[in-house]
Amino acid sequence: WISSIDIIVCTPGRLVEHISRTLGFSLIHLRYLVIDEADRIIDEFKQDWLNILDNAVGLSSHLKNDFQPYMLNQSSSLNRKIYQKLLFSATLTHNPEILQQLNLFRPILFSSLSTSKSITMPSTLHENFIVCSITYKPLIIAYLIQNQLHSERIMIFVHSKKDVDRLSSLLKLLLPNDIKVNHISRKLTSKKIQTRLNMFEHGQIQILVCSDVLA
């Protein structure tokens, strides 16, 4: 059984699931592990997913715990290349005890900095905020949707599933019937999430309230 997949995009949990359950799934030729939102992924190390990945790649225990320079190049003793880790984050910790969990060898830090501003923002991103009481938040959001945000599709992120249910229900009451509101949270199945995303993409849903499942 030979896989024709070159790039896999998934969460750590789904990767572990593939390693343990997917027939023919192999990582012995893995070259790069790209970890986006690395600060959040590090918090999930209690799941021990990186050690599971190392075992699937075929790293022996002495190599995982005693890194040598040759590991970044073709090694005659291993007869293949060891995979490299690329971490991306806006708030990556510098705590050596936490970074040690990543089993990094001679890590190199690349930073994107602006000389004129303390925070680097994409040029196409426009950011505004309103300070208000939590009581009036749904009313203000409904007002902005109807009067200020001239867009056919609007995605709203909130903190928890409880907030998702509450805000989506309130917006359905406050907004006209021709503005379709729906929500996405961790309680939904992957199939339902994808269905609602497709409806949002095609304009069948105008307002999508989401928890951090899509963040």
N, C-alpha and C. Protein backbone atom coordinates (compact mmCIF):
# COMPACT_ATOMS: atom_id res chain seq x y z
N TRP A 1 0.87 -1.19 0.00
CA TRP A 1 0.00 0.00 0.00
C TRP A 1 0.89 1.23 0.00
N ILE A 2 0.75 2.11 -1.01
CA ILE A 2 1.59 3.30 -1.14
C ILE A 2 0.71 4.54 -1.16
N SER A 3 1.03 5.51 -0.29
CA SER A 3 0.26 6.75 -0.23
C SER A 3 0.79 7.74 -1.25
N SER A 4 -0.12 8.48 -1.87
CA SER A 4 0.27 9.50 -2.85
C SER A 4 0.21 10.90 -2.24
N ILE A 5 0.04 11.00 -0.93
CA ILE A 5 -0.09 12.29 -0.25
C ILE A 5 1.29 12.83 0.10
N ASP A 6 1.54 14.09 -0.24
CA ASP A 6 2.82 14.73 0.07
C ASP A 6 2.72 15.69 1.24
N ILE A 7 1.56 16.33 1.42
CA ILE A 7 1.38 17.32 2.47
C ILE A 7 0.11 17.00 3.25
N ILE A 8 0.21 16.96 4.56
CA ILE A 8 -0.95 16.72 5.42
C ILE A 8 -1.15 17.93 6.32
N VAL A 9 -2.37 18.46 6.35
CA VAL A 9 -2.73 19.58 7.23
C VAL A 9 -3.76 19.06 8.22
N CYS A 10 -3.43 19.08 9.51
CA CYS A 10 -4.36 18.54 10.51
C CYS A 10 -3.98 19.02 11.90
N THR A 11 -4.82 18.72 12.86
CA THR A 11 -4.54 19.03 14.26
C THR A 11 -3.69 17.90 14.85
N PRO A 12 -3.01 18.16 15.98
CA PRO A 12 -2.23 17.09 16.62
C PRO A 12 -3.08 15.85 16.94
N GLY A 13 -4.30 16.09 17.43
CA GLY A 13 -5.16 14.96 17.76
C GLY A 13 -5.52 14.11 16.56
N ARG A 14 -5.82 14.77 15.44
CA ARG A 14 -6.16 14.03 14.22
C ARG A 14 -4.92 13.30 13.67
N LEU A 15 -3.75 13.91 13.82
CA LEU A 15 -2.52 13.25 13.37
C LEU A 15 -2.29 11.96 14.15
N VAL A 16 -2.47 12.02 15.47
CA VAL A 16 -2.33 10.82 16.30
C VAL A 16 -3.34 9.76 15.88
N GLU A 17 -4.55 10.21 15.54
CA GLU A 17 -5.59 9.28 15.10
C GLU A 17 -5.19 8.57 13.81
N HIS A 18 -4.60 9.33 12.87
CA HIS A 18 -4.14 8.72 11.62
C HIS A 18 -3.02 7.71 11.90
N ILE A 19 -2.09 8.08 12.78
CA ILE A 19 -0.97 7.20 13.09
C ILE A 19 -1.46 5.87 13.65
N SER A 20 -2.47 5.92 14.49
CA SER A 20 -2.92 4.71 15.19
C SER A 20 -3.99 3.93 14.43
N ARG A 21 -4.74 4.61 13.53
CA ARG A 21 -5.90 3.93 12.95
C ARG A 21 -5.92 3.83 11.42
N THR A 22 -5.22 4.74 10.74
CA THR A 22 -5.33 4.76 9.27
C THR A 22 -4.42 3.71 8.64
N LEU A 23 -5.00 2.80 7.89
CA LEU A 23 -4.26 1.72 7.26
C LEU A 23 -3.25 2.28 6.25
N GLY A 24 -1.99 1.87 6.38
CA GLY A 24 -0.96 2.28 5.44
C GLY A 24 -0.36 3.64 5.71
N PHE A 25 -0.83 4.34 6.75
CA PHE A 25 -0.31 5.68 7.06
C PHE A 25 1.10 5.56 7.62
N SER A 26 2.05 6.25 6.99
CA SER A 26 3.46 6.14 7.39
C SER A 26 4.12 7.51 7.38
N LEU A 27 4.97 7.74 8.37
CA LEU A 27 5.72 9.00 8.46
C LEU A 27 7.22 8.78 8.40
N ILE A 28 7.65 7.63 7.94
CA ILE A 28 9.08 7.34 7.97
C ILE A 28 9.87 8.22 7.02
N HIS A 29 9.19 8.86 6.05
CA HIS A 29 9.88 9.75 5.12
C HIS A 29 9.55 11.22 5.40
N LEU A 30 9.05 11.50 6.59
CA LEU A 30 8.70 12.88 6.95
C LEU A 30 9.94 13.77 6.92
N ARG A 31 9.84 14.94 6.27
CA ARG A 31 10.97 15.87 6.20
C ARG A 31 10.73 17.13 7.01
N TYR A 32 9.50 17.64 7.04
CA TYR A 32 9.23 18.88 7.76
C TYR A 32 7.96 18.75 8.59
N LEU A 33 8.04 19.20 9.84
CA LEU A 33 6.87 19.31 10.70
C LEU A 33 6.64 20.80 10.94
N VAL A 34 5.56 21.35 10.40
CA VAL A 34 5.23 22.77 10.54
C VAL A 34 4.17 22.91 11.62
N ILE A 35 4.48 23.65 12.68
CA ILE A 35 3.55 23.85 13.79
C ILE A 35 3.11 25.30 13.80
N ASP A 36 1.88 25.55 13.38
CA ASP A 36 1.32 26.90 13.42
C ASP A 36 0.69 27.13 14.78
N GLU A 37 0.60 28.40 15.20
CA GLU A 37 0.10 28.72 16.54
C GLU A 37 0.82 27.86 17.57
N ALA A 38 2.15 27.89 17.50
CA ALA A 38 2.96 26.97 18.30
C ALA A 38 2.74 27.13 19.80
N ASP A 39 2.43 28.36 20.24
CA ASP A 39 2.21 28.57 21.67
C ASP A 39 1.02 27.77 22.16
N ARG A 40 -0.03 27.69 21.35
CA ARG A 40 -1.21 26.92 21.74
C ARG A 40 -0.95 25.42 21.63
N ILE A 41 -0.18 25.03 20.63
CA ILE A 41 0.11 23.61 20.46
C ILE A 41 0.94 23.09 21.62
N ILE A 42 1.88 23.92 22.12
CA ILE A 42 2.70 23.50 23.26
C ILE A 42 1.83 23.18 24.46
N ASP A 43 0.76 23.94 24.62
CA ASP A 43 -0.15 23.69 25.75
C ASP A 43 -0.81 22.32 25.65
N GLU A 44 -0.81 21.73 24.47
CA GLU A 44 -1.45 20.43 24.27
C GLU A 44 -0.47 19.28 24.43
N PHE A 45 0.76 19.58 24.87
CA PHE A 45 1.76 18.52 24.97
C PHE A 45 1.42 17.48 26.02
N LYS A 46 0.46 17.80 26.89
CA LYS A 46 0.02 16.79 27.86
C LYS A 46 -0.54 15.57 27.15
N GLN A 47 -0.91 15.73 25.89
CA GLN A 47 -1.42 14.60 25.12
C GLN A 47 -0.29 13.73 24.57
N ASP A 48 0.97 14.17 24.75
CA ASP A 48 2.14 13.39 24.36
C ASP A 48 2.17 13.09 22.86
N TRP A 49 1.55 13.97 22.06
CA TRP A 49 1.43 13.68 20.63
C TRP A 49 2.77 13.73 19.91
N LEU A 50 3.73 14.57 20.38
CA LEU A 50 5.00 14.69 19.68
C LEU A 50 5.83 13.41 19.84
N ASN A 51 5.81 12.81 21.03
CA ASN A 51 6.51 11.54 21.21
C ASN A 51 5.90 10.45 20.35
N ILE A 52 4.57 10.48 20.22
CA ILE A 52 3.90 9.50 19.36
C ILE A 52 4.34 9.70 17.91
N LEU A 53 4.48 10.97 17.49
CA LEU A 53 4.94 11.26 16.13
C LEU A 53 6.37 10.79 15.94
N ASP A 54 7.25 11.08 16.92
CA ASP A 54 8.65 10.65 16.82
C ASP A 54 8.74 9.13 16.68
N ASN A 55 7.93 8.43 17.45
CA ASN A 55 7.93 6.97 17.35
C ASN A 55 7.46 6.51 15.98
N ALA A 56 6.47 7.21 15.42
CA ALA A 56 5.96 6.85 14.09
C ALA A 56 6.99 7.13 13.00
N VAL A 57 7.76 8.20 13.19
CA VAL A 57 8.81 8.53 12.22
C VAL A 57 9.92 7.48 12.27
N GLY A 58 10.13 6.93 13.48
CA GLY A 58 11.14 5.89 13.63
C GLY A 58 12.37 6.34 14.36
N LEU A 59 12.27 7.47 15.10
CA LEU A 59 13.41 7.91 15.89
C LEU A 59 13.57 7.01 17.09
N SER A 60 14.75 6.47 17.27
CA SER A 60 15.00 5.65 18.46
C SER A 60 15.14 6.56 19.67
N SER A 61 15.00 6.01 20.85
CA SER A 61 14.98 6.81 22.08
C SER A 61 16.29 7.55 22.29
N HIS A 62 17.43 6.94 21.94
CA HIS A 62 18.70 7.63 22.18
C HIS A 62 18.87 8.82 21.25
N LEU A 63 18.27 8.78 20.06
CA LEU A 63 18.33 9.92 19.15
C LEU A 63 17.42 11.04 19.60
N LYS A 64 16.26 10.69 20.16
CA LYS A 64 15.32 11.72 20.62
C LYS A 64 15.88 12.47 21.82
N ASN A 65 16.70 11.82 22.62
CA ASN A 65 17.17 12.43 23.87
C ASN A 65 18.61 12.93 23.80
N ASP A 66 19.31 12.62 22.71
CA ASP A 66 20.71 13.00 22.63
C ASP A 66 21.01 13.47 21.21
N PHE A 67 20.62 14.70 20.89
CA PHE A 67 20.73 15.21 19.53
C PHE A 67 22.19 15.46 19.15
N GLN A 68 22.54 15.11 17.91
CA GLN A 68 23.87 15.32 17.38
C GLN A 68 23.76 16.15 16.10
N PRO A 69 24.83 16.90 15.74
CA PRO A 69 24.77 17.76 14.56
C PRO A 69 24.41 17.03 13.27
N TYR A 70 24.83 15.77 13.14
CA TYR A 70 24.57 15.09 11.88
C TYR A 70 23.09 14.90 11.61
N MET A 71 22.26 15.12 12.61
CA MET A 71 20.84 14.87 12.43
C MET A 71 20.19 15.84 11.45
N LEU A 72 20.84 16.96 11.16
CA LEU A 72 20.29 17.91 10.21
C LEU A 72 20.73 17.60 8.78
N ASN A 73 21.56 16.61 8.62
CA ASN A 73 22.04 16.24 7.30
C ASN A 73 21.84 14.75 7.06
N GLN A 74 22.17 14.34 5.84
CA GLN A 74 22.04 12.93 5.53
C GLN A 74 23.01 12.13 6.39
N SER A 75 22.50 11.17 7.11
CA SER A 75 23.34 10.37 8.01
C SER A 75 23.51 8.98 7.44
N SER A 76 24.76 8.54 7.33
CA SER A 76 25.00 7.21 6.80
C SER A 76 24.47 6.14 7.74
N SER A 77 24.49 6.43 9.04
CA SER A 77 24.02 5.43 10.00
C SER A 77 22.51 5.29 9.96
N LEU A 78 21.80 6.39 9.63
CA LEU A 78 20.34 6.33 9.56
C LEU A 78 19.84 6.07 8.14
N ASN A 79 20.71 6.41 7.16
CA ASN A 79 20.38 6.22 5.74
C ASN A 79 19.16 7.03 5.30
N ARG A 80 18.87 8.11 6.00
CA ARG A 80 17.79 9.02 5.59
C ARG A 80 17.93 10.31 6.39
N LYS A 81 17.15 11.32 6.01
CA LYS A 81 17.20 12.61 6.69
C LYS A 81 16.23 12.63 7.87
N ILE A 82 16.64 13.32 8.95
CA ILE A 82 15.76 13.52 10.10
C ILE A 82 14.89 14.74 9.83
N TYR A 83 13.64 14.66 10.20
CA TYR A 83 12.73 15.76 9.89
C TYR A 83 13.06 17.00 10.72
N GLN A 84 12.76 18.16 10.15
CA GLN A 84 13.00 19.44 10.81
C GLN A 84 11.68 20.05 11.24
N LYS A 85 11.73 20.83 12.32
CA LYS A 85 10.53 21.45 12.87
C LYS A 85 10.54 22.95 12.57
N LEU A 86 9.42 23.46 12.05
CA LEU A 86 9.25 24.88 11.79
C LEU A 86 8.08 25.36 12.64
N LEU A 87 8.36 26.31 13.55
CA LEU A 87 7.34 26.79 14.47
C LEU A 87 6.96 28.22 14.11
N PHE A 88 5.66 28.51 14.08
CA PHE A 88 5.16 29.85 13.78
C PHE A 88 4.22 30.29 14.89
N SER A 89 4.46 31.50 15.40
CA SER A 89 3.60 32.01 16.47
C SER A 89 3.85 33.50 16.66
N ALA A 90 2.79 34.22 17.04
CA ALA A 90 2.94 35.64 17.36
C ALA A 90 3.36 35.83 18.81
N THR A 91 3.21 34.80 19.63
CA THR A 91 3.48 34.94 21.07
C THR A 91 4.22 33.72 21.60
N LEU A 92 5.19 33.22 20.85
CA LEU A 92 5.89 32.01 21.26
C LEU A 92 6.73 32.27 22.51
N THR A 93 6.62 31.38 23.47
CA THR A 93 7.35 31.52 24.72
C THR A 93 8.85 31.36 24.51
N HIS A 94 9.65 32.02 25.36
CA HIS A 94 11.10 31.85 25.36
C HIS A 94 11.54 31.00 26.55
N ASN A 95 10.59 30.44 27.27
CA ASN A 95 10.90 29.63 28.44
C ASN A 95 11.60 28.35 27.99
N PRO A 96 12.89 28.16 28.37
CA PRO A 96 13.63 26.99 27.89
C PRO A 96 13.05 25.67 28.36
N GLU A 97 12.42 25.66 29.54
CA GLU A 97 11.84 24.41 30.04
C GLU A 97 10.67 23.96 29.17
N ILE A 98 9.90 24.94 28.68
CA ILE A 98 8.76 24.61 27.82
C ILE A 98 9.25 24.23 26.42
N LEU A 99 10.21 25.00 25.89
CA LEU A 99 10.71 24.72 24.54
C LEU A 99 11.44 23.38 24.49
N GLN A 100 11.98 22.95 25.63
CA GLN A 100 12.69 21.68 25.67
C GLN A 100 11.78 20.52 25.26
N GLN A 101 10.49 20.68 25.50
CA GLN A 101 9.54 19.62 25.15
C GLN A 101 9.50 19.37 23.64
N LEU A 102 9.94 20.36 22.86
CA LEU A 102 9.90 20.23 21.41
C LEU A 102 11.10 19.46 20.85
N ASN A 103 12.09 19.15 21.72
CA ASN A 103 13.29 18.44 21.27
C ASN A 103 13.97 19.16 20.11
N LEU A 104 14.18 20.48 20.27
CA LEU A 104 14.81 21.27 19.22
C LEU A 104 16.33 21.15 19.30
N PHE A 105 16.98 21.18 18.14
CA PHE A 105 18.44 21.15 18.08
C PHE A 105 18.93 22.43 17.40
N ARG A 106 19.70 23.23 18.14
CA ARG A 106 20.22 24.50 17.63
C ARG A 106 19.14 25.33 16.94
N PRO A 107 18.08 25.68 17.63
CA PRO A 107 16.99 26.44 17.00
C PRO A 107 17.43 27.83 16.57
N ILE A 108 16.87 28.31 15.48
CA ILE A 108 17.14 29.65 14.96
C ILE A 108 15.83 30.43 14.96
N LEU A 109 15.87 31.65 15.53
CA LEU A 109 14.67 32.48 15.63
C LEU A 109 14.64 33.51 14.51
N PHE A 110 13.55 33.55 13.76
CA PHE A 110 13.31 34.57 12.75
C PHE A 110 12.13 35.41 13.20
N SER A 111 12.30 36.75 13.23
CA SER A 111 11.24 37.63 13.71
C SER A 111 10.83 38.59 12.61
N SER A 112 9.53 38.88 12.53
CA SER A 112 9.00 39.88 11.62
C SER A 112 8.71 41.13 12.43
N LEU A 113 9.51 42.16 12.25
CA LEU A 113 9.40 43.36 13.06
C LEU A 113 9.22 44.60 12.20
N SER A 114 8.51 45.57 12.73
CA SER A 114 8.36 46.86 12.07
C SER A 114 9.18 47.88 12.85
N THR A 115 9.97 48.68 12.15
CA THR A 115 10.81 49.66 12.83
C THR A 115 10.03 50.86 13.32
N SER A 116 8.86 51.10 12.73
CA SER A 116 8.08 52.29 13.08
C SER A 116 6.93 51.99 14.04
N LYS A 117 6.57 50.72 14.20
CA LYS A 117 5.44 50.36 15.05
C LYS A 117 5.82 49.23 15.99
N SER A 118 5.16 49.21 17.13
CA SER A 118 5.43 48.15 18.09
C SER A 118 4.76 46.84 17.71
N ILE A 119 3.73 46.90 16.86
CA ILE A 119 3.00 45.71 16.42
C ILE A 119 2.95 45.70 14.90
N THR A 120 3.27 44.55 14.31
CA THR A 120 3.21 44.40 12.86
C THR A 120 1.86 43.86 12.45
N MET A 121 1.16 44.57 11.58
CA MET A 121 -0.17 44.17 11.12
C MET A 121 -0.18 44.05 9.60
N PRO A 122 -0.94 43.11 9.05
CA PRO A 122 -1.09 43.04 7.58
C PRO A 122 -1.68 44.35 7.05
N SER A 123 -1.19 44.80 5.92
CA SER A 123 -1.63 46.09 5.37
C SER A 123 -3.10 46.10 4.99
N THR A 124 -3.67 44.91 4.72
CA THR A 124 -5.08 44.84 4.30
C THR A 124 -6.04 44.67 5.47
N LEU A 125 -5.50 44.56 6.69
CA LEU A 125 -6.35 44.34 7.85
C LEU A 125 -6.74 45.67 8.49
N HIS A 126 -8.02 45.88 8.68
CA HIS A 126 -8.52 47.08 9.34
C HIS A 126 -9.13 46.69 10.68
N GLU A 127 -8.70 47.34 11.72
CA GLU A 127 -9.11 46.97 13.07
C GLU A 127 -9.78 48.14 13.78
N ASN A 128 -10.94 47.89 14.37
CA ASN A 128 -11.65 48.88 15.17
C ASN A 128 -12.20 48.20 16.41
N PHE A 129 -12.44 48.98 17.44
CA PHE A 129 -13.03 48.40 18.65
C PHE A 129 -13.94 49.41 19.32
N ILE A 130 -14.90 48.90 20.07
CA ILE A 130 -15.85 49.72 20.81
C ILE A 130 -15.85 49.27 22.26
N VAL A 131 -15.70 50.21 23.16
CA VAL A 131 -15.75 49.90 24.59
C VAL A 131 -17.19 50.07 25.07
N CYS A 132 -17.76 49.01 25.62
CA CYS A 132 -19.15 49.08 26.06
C CYS A 132 -19.39 48.06 27.17
N SER A 133 -20.53 48.19 27.81
CA SER A 133 -20.95 47.24 28.83
C SER A 133 -21.31 45.91 28.17
N ILE A 134 -21.03 44.81 28.87
CA ILE A 134 -21.34 43.49 28.31
C ILE A 134 -22.83 43.34 28.03
N THR A 135 -23.65 44.08 28.75
CA THR A 135 -25.11 44.01 28.57
C THR A 135 -25.53 44.45 27.18
N TYR A 136 -24.80 45.45 26.64
CA TYR A 136 -25.19 46.05 25.35
C TYR A 136 -24.46 45.44 24.15
N LYS A 137 -23.58 44.50 24.38
CA LYS A 137 -22.81 43.94 23.27
C LYS A 137 -23.69 43.39 22.15
N PRO A 138 -24.67 42.54 22.44
CA PRO A 138 -25.51 42.02 21.34
C PRO A 138 -26.24 43.11 20.57
N LEU A 139 -26.71 44.15 21.29
CA LEU A 139 -27.41 45.25 20.62
C LEU A 139 -26.47 46.02 19.69
N ILE A 140 -25.26 46.26 20.17
CA ILE A 140 -24.28 46.99 19.36
C ILE A 140 -23.88 46.17 18.13
N ILE A 141 -23.68 44.86 18.32
CA ILE A 141 -23.34 44.00 17.19
C ILE A 141 -24.45 44.00 16.15
N ALA A 142 -25.69 43.90 16.60
CA ALA A 142 -26.83 43.93 15.67
C ALA A 142 -26.89 45.26 14.94
N TYR A 143 -26.63 46.36 15.64
CA TYR A 143 -26.65 47.68 15.00
C TYR A 143 -25.55 47.78 13.95
N LEU A 144 -24.34 47.33 14.29
CA LEU A 144 -23.22 47.40 13.35
C LEU A 144 -23.50 46.57 12.10
N ILE A 145 -24.07 45.40 12.28
CA ILE A 145 -24.38 44.53 11.14
C ILE A 145 -25.35 45.21 10.18
N GLN A 146 -26.36 45.87 10.73
CA GLN A 146 -27.39 46.48 9.90
C GLN A 146 -26.99 47.83 9.31
N ASN A 147 -26.14 48.57 10.01
CA ASN A 147 -25.89 49.96 9.61
C ASN A 147 -24.45 50.30 9.23
N GLN A 148 -23.48 49.52 9.69
CA GLN A 148 -22.09 49.90 9.47
C GLN A 148 -21.30 48.89 8.64
N LEU A 149 -21.52 47.62 8.90
CA LEU A 149 -20.72 46.59 8.24
C LEU A 149 -21.39 46.17 6.94
N HIS A 150 -20.99 46.80 5.86
CA HIS A 150 -21.61 46.55 4.56
C HIS A 150 -20.93 45.34 3.90
N SER A 151 -21.33 44.17 4.36
CA SER A 151 -20.74 42.94 3.85
C SER A 151 -21.82 41.88 3.73
N GLU A 152 -21.70 41.03 2.71
CA GLU A 152 -22.67 39.96 2.52
C GLU A 152 -22.45 38.82 3.49
N ARG A 153 -21.23 38.71 4.01
CA ARG A 153 -20.91 37.63 4.94
C ARG A 153 -20.09 38.18 6.11
N ILE A 154 -20.49 37.83 7.31
CA ILE A 154 -19.80 38.30 8.51
C ILE A 154 -19.59 37.11 9.45
N MET A 155 -18.36 36.94 9.90
CA MET A 155 -18.02 35.88 10.84
C MET A 155 -17.69 36.51 12.19
N ILE A 156 -18.34 36.02 13.25
CA ILE A 156 -18.17 36.57 14.60
C ILE A 156 -17.57 35.48 15.49
N PHE A 157 -16.47 35.80 16.16
CA PHE A 157 -15.83 34.86 17.07
C PHE A 157 -16.15 35.22 18.51
N VAL A 158 -16.52 34.23 19.30
CA VAL A 158 -16.78 34.42 20.73
C VAL A 158 -16.01 33.37 21.51
N HIS A 159 -16.08 33.49 22.84
CA HIS A 159 -15.16 32.72 23.69
C HIS A 159 -15.56 31.25 23.86
N SER A 160 -16.82 30.96 24.02
CA SER A 160 -17.23 29.60 24.39
C SER A 160 -18.50 29.19 23.65
N LYS A 161 -18.85 27.91 23.77
CA LYS A 161 -20.07 27.41 23.15
C LYS A 161 -21.30 28.10 23.74
N LYS A 162 -21.26 28.37 25.03
CA LYS A 162 -22.38 29.07 25.67
C LYS A 162 -22.58 30.44 25.05
N ASP A 163 -21.48 31.15 24.79
CA ASP A 163 -21.57 32.46 24.14
C ASP A 163 -22.07 32.34 22.70
N VAL A 164 -21.65 31.27 22.02
CA VAL A 164 -22.11 31.04 20.65
C VAL A 164 -23.62 30.88 20.61
N ASP A 165 -24.14 30.02 21.47
CA ASP A 165 -25.59 29.78 21.51
C ASP A 165 -26.36 31.05 21.86
N ARG A 166 -25.85 31.78 22.84
CA ARG A 166 -26.55 32.99 23.32
C ARG A 166 -26.57 34.07 22.24
N LEU A 167 -25.40 34.37 21.65
CA LEU A 167 -25.33 35.45 20.68
C LEU A 167 -26.09 35.10 19.40
N SER A 168 -25.95 33.88 18.91
CA SER A 168 -26.66 33.52 17.68
C SER A 168 -28.17 33.57 17.87
N SER A 169 -28.65 33.16 19.05
CA SER A 169 -30.09 33.23 19.33
C SER A 169 -30.58 34.67 19.40
N LEU A 170 -29.79 35.53 20.04
CA LEU A 170 -30.17 36.94 20.15
C LEU A 170 -30.18 37.63 18.79
N LEU A 171 -29.18 37.33 17.96
CA LEU A 171 -29.11 37.95 16.64
C LEU A 171 -30.28 37.52 15.75
N LYS A 172 -30.71 36.28 15.90
CA LYS A 172 -31.88 35.82 15.14
C LYS A 172 -33.13 36.61 15.53
N LEU A 173 -33.20 37.02 16.80
CA LEU A 173 -34.34 37.81 17.26
C LEU A 173 -34.23 39.27 16.86
N LEU A 174 -33.00 39.80 16.85
CA LEU A 174 -32.79 41.23 16.63
C LEU A 174 -32.72 41.61 15.16
N LEU A 175 -32.24 40.71 14.32
CA LEU A 175 -32.02 41.05 12.90
C LEU A 175 -33.23 40.67 12.06
N PRO A 176 -33.39 41.32 10.90
CA PRO A 176 -34.50 40.98 9.99
C PRO A 176 -34.41 39.53 9.53
N ASN A 177 -35.53 38.98 9.13
CA ASN A 177 -35.60 37.57 8.74
C ASN A 177 -34.77 37.26 7.49
N ASP A 178 -34.52 38.28 6.65
CA ASP A 178 -33.75 38.02 5.44
C ASP A 178 -32.25 37.89 5.71
N ILE A 179 -31.82 38.19 6.93
CA ILE A 179 -30.42 37.99 7.31
C ILE A 179 -30.33 36.67 8.06
N LYS A 180 -29.74 35.67 7.43
CA LYS A 180 -29.68 34.33 8.00
C LYS A 180 -28.49 34.20 8.95
N VAL A 181 -28.79 33.77 10.17
CA VAL A 181 -27.77 33.61 11.21
C VAL A 181 -27.64 32.13 11.56
N ASN A 182 -26.40 31.67 11.69
CA ASN A 182 -26.16 30.31 12.15
C ASN A 182 -24.89 30.29 12.99
N HIS A 183 -24.53 29.14 13.50
CA HIS A 183 -23.38 29.09 14.41
C HIS A 183 -22.56 27.82 14.19
N ILE A 184 -21.33 27.86 14.71
CA ILE A 184 -20.43 26.71 14.69
C ILE A 184 -19.73 26.63 16.04
N SER A 185 -19.70 25.43 16.61
CA SER A 185 -19.00 25.20 17.87
C SER A 185 -18.47 23.78 17.90
N ARG A 186 -17.72 23.44 18.93
CA ARG A 186 -17.11 22.11 19.04
C ARG A 186 -18.14 21.00 19.21
N LYS A 187 -19.34 21.33 19.58
CA LYS A 187 -20.36 20.32 19.80
C LYS A 187 -20.90 19.74 18.48
N LEU A 188 -20.65 20.43 17.38
CA LEU A 188 -21.13 19.96 16.08
C LEU A 188 -20.20 18.92 15.49
N THR A 189 -20.73 18.04 14.69
CA THR A 189 -19.90 17.07 13.99
C THR A 189 -19.14 17.77 12.87
N SER A 190 -18.07 17.14 12.42
CA SER A 190 -17.28 17.71 11.32
C SER A 190 -18.12 17.90 10.07
N LYS A 191 -19.04 16.98 9.83
CA LYS A 191 -19.91 17.07 8.65
C LYS A 191 -20.80 18.30 8.73
N LYS A 192 -21.40 18.55 9.91
CA LYS A 192 -22.27 19.72 10.07
C LYS A 192 -21.48 21.01 9.96
N ILE A 193 -20.27 21.01 10.52
CA ILE A 193 -19.43 22.21 10.43
C ILE A 193 -19.12 22.52 8.97
N GLN A 194 -18.73 21.51 8.20
CA GLN A 194 -18.40 21.72 6.80
C GLN A 194 -19.60 22.17 6.00
N THR A 195 -20.78 21.61 6.31
CA THR A 195 -22.01 22.01 5.62
C THR A 195 -22.30 23.48 5.85
N ARG A 196 -22.17 23.93 7.09
CA ARG A 196 -22.47 25.33 7.40
C ARG A 196 -21.41 26.26 6.80
N LEU A 197 -20.17 25.82 6.76
CA LEU A 197 -19.14 26.63 6.11
C LEU A 197 -19.42 26.77 4.62
N ASN A 198 -19.85 25.70 3.99
CA ASN A 198 -20.20 25.76 2.56
C ASN A 198 -21.38 26.70 2.32
N MET A 199 -22.38 26.64 3.20
CA MET A 199 -23.53 27.53 3.08
C MET A 199 -23.11 28.98 3.27
N PHE A 200 -22.18 29.21 4.20
CA PHE A 200 -21.66 30.56 4.45
C PHE A 200 -20.90 31.06 3.22
N GLU A 201 -20.09 30.19 2.64
CA GLU A 201 -19.30 30.56 1.47
C GLU A 201 -20.18 30.92 0.29
N HIS A 202 -21.32 30.25 0.14
CA HIS A 202 -22.20 30.49 -1.01
C HIS A 202 -23.31 31.49 -0.70
N GLY A 203 -23.23 32.15 0.46
CA GLY A 203 -24.18 33.21 0.76
C GLY A 203 -25.51 32.77 1.32
N GLN A 204 -25.66 31.48 1.60
CA GLN A 204 -26.92 31.00 2.19
C GLN A 204 -27.01 31.33 3.68
N ILE A 205 -25.87 31.57 4.28
CA ILE A 205 -25.78 32.07 5.66
C ILE A 205 -25.01 33.38 5.61
N GLN A 206 -25.58 34.45 6.16
CA GLN A 206 -24.90 35.75 6.13
C GLN A 206 -24.06 36.00 7.39
N ILE A 207 -24.55 35.53 8.53
CA ILE A 207 -23.86 35.74 9.81
C ILE A 207 -23.52 34.39 10.41
N LEU A 208 -22.24 34.15 10.67
CA LEU A 208 -21.80 32.89 11.26
C LEU A 208 -21.10 33.18 12.58
N VAL A 209 -21.70 32.73 13.68
CA VAL A 209 -21.12 32.92 15.02
C VAL A 209 -20.31 31.68 15.37
N CYS A 210 -19.04 31.88 15.72
CA CYS A 210 -18.12 30.74 15.89
C CYS A 210 -17.42 30.79 17.24
N SER A 211 -17.12 29.61 17.75
CA SER A 211 -16.24 29.51 18.90
C SER A 211 -14.82 29.37 18.38
N ASP A 212 -13.85 29.12 19.28
CA ASP A 212 -12.46 29.04 18.85
C ASP A 212 -12.15 27.79 18.03
N VAL A 213 -13.16 26.97 17.74
CA VAL A 213 -12.93 25.82 16.87
C VAL A 213 -12.44 26.25 15.50
N LEU A 214 -12.78 27.48 15.07
CA LEU A 214 -12.32 27.99 13.77
C LEU A 214 -11.25 29.05 13.90
N ALA A 215 -10.86 29.39 15.09
CA ALA A 215 -9.90 30.49 15.29
C ALA A 215 -8.52 30.10 14.77
